[in-house]
Amino acid sequence: MKSVFIGIAIGLLLGVVGSMDYEDAKAGEALYCSNVKNGVWPDYAGIYTKVCEAEYGKPKKFTNSSL
């Protein structure tokens, strides 16, 4: 009986960690798409048209600016 509860606890823990990992990935994707759209950086990963355009629209032209 004890091993059943341990198994359930481990399963729940893995579910929570997996959910948090997914949310982090979505937040990172949203940040990348936003920064490409606003011209903060170019589409260096080459995923904007496939991943971001439908949700965030066309990006601004990136201008190389020095800080």
Protein backbone atom coordinates (compact mmCIF):
# COMPACT_ATOMS: atom_id res chain seq x y z
CA MET A 1 0.00 0.00 0.00
CA LYS A 2 2.86 2.36 0.84
CA SER A 3 4.50 1.80 -2.57
CA VAL A 4 1.21 2.68 -4.31
CA PHE A 5 1.13 6.06 -2.55
CA ILE A 6 4.79 6.66 -3.38
CA GLY A 7 4.07 5.84 -7.03
CA ILE A 8 1.12 8.22 -7.10
CA ALA A 9 3.21 10.98 -5.46
CA ILE A 10 6.01 10.53 -8.01
CA GLY A 11 3.49 10.61 -10.86
CA LEU A 12 1.95 13.82 -9.56
CA LEU A 13 5.38 15.39 -9.09
CA LEU A 14 6.38 14.53 -12.66
CA GLY A 15 3.11 16.01 -13.91
CA VAL A 16 3.72 19.29 -12.08
CA VAL A 17 7.32 19.54 -13.28
CA GLY A 18 6.27 18.75 -16.87
CA SER A 19 3.59 21.42 -16.75
CA MET A 20 6.04 24.00 -15.43
CA ASP A 21 8.54 23.10 -18.16
CA TYR A 22 5.85 23.58 -20.81
CA GLU A 23 4.88 26.97 -19.40
CA ASP A 24 8.54 28.08 -19.40
CA ALA A 25 8.92 27.03 -23.03
CA LYS A 26 5.78 28.94 -24.05
CA ALA A 27 6.98 32.05 -22.19
CA GLY A 28 10.37 31.85 -23.90
CA GLU A 29 8.72 31.48 -27.28
CA ALA A 30 6.47 34.48 -26.62
CA LEU A 31 9.48 36.59 -25.60
CA TYR A 32 11.42 35.56 -28.72
CA CYS A 33 8.45 36.32 -31.00
CA SER A 34 7.83 39.67 -29.34
CA ASN A 35 11.46 40.74 -29.59
CA VAL A 36 11.69 39.74 -33.26
CA LYS A 37 8.41 41.52 -34.04
CA ASN A 38 9.53 44.70 -32.28
CA GLY A 39 12.93 44.69 -33.99
CA VAL A 40 14.93 44.09 -30.81
CA TRP A 41 16.84 41.28 -32.52
CA PRO A 42 16.70 39.48 -35.88
CA ASP A 43 15.13 36.05 -36.37
CA TYR A 44 18.38 34.28 -35.53
CA ALA A 45 16.65 30.93 -34.91
CA GLY A 46 14.81 31.14 -38.24
CA ILE A 47 11.46 30.12 -36.71
CA TYR A 48 9.48 33.34 -36.85
CA THR A 49 7.51 32.65 -40.03
CA LYS A 50 6.65 29.11 -38.96
CA VAL A 51 5.95 29.68 -35.26
CA CYS A 52 5.20 33.33 -34.60
CA GLU A 53 3.69 35.02 -37.65
CA ALA A 54 0.16 33.68 -37.24
CA GLU A 55 0.00 34.84 -33.63
CA TYR A 56 2.17 37.96 -33.58
CA GLY A 57 2.13 39.32 -37.14
CA LYS A 58 4.97 40.34 -39.43
CA PRO A 59 8.22 41.48 -37.78
CA LYS A 60 9.71 44.92 -38.13
CA LYS A 61 12.89 45.20 -40.11
CA PHE A 62 15.87 44.71 -37.82
CA THR A 63 18.33 47.56 -37.82
CA ASN A 64 21.77 46.88 -36.45
CA SER A 65 22.20 49.42 -33.68
CA SER A 66 25.13 49.80 -31.38
CA LEU A 67 24.62 50.43 -27.72
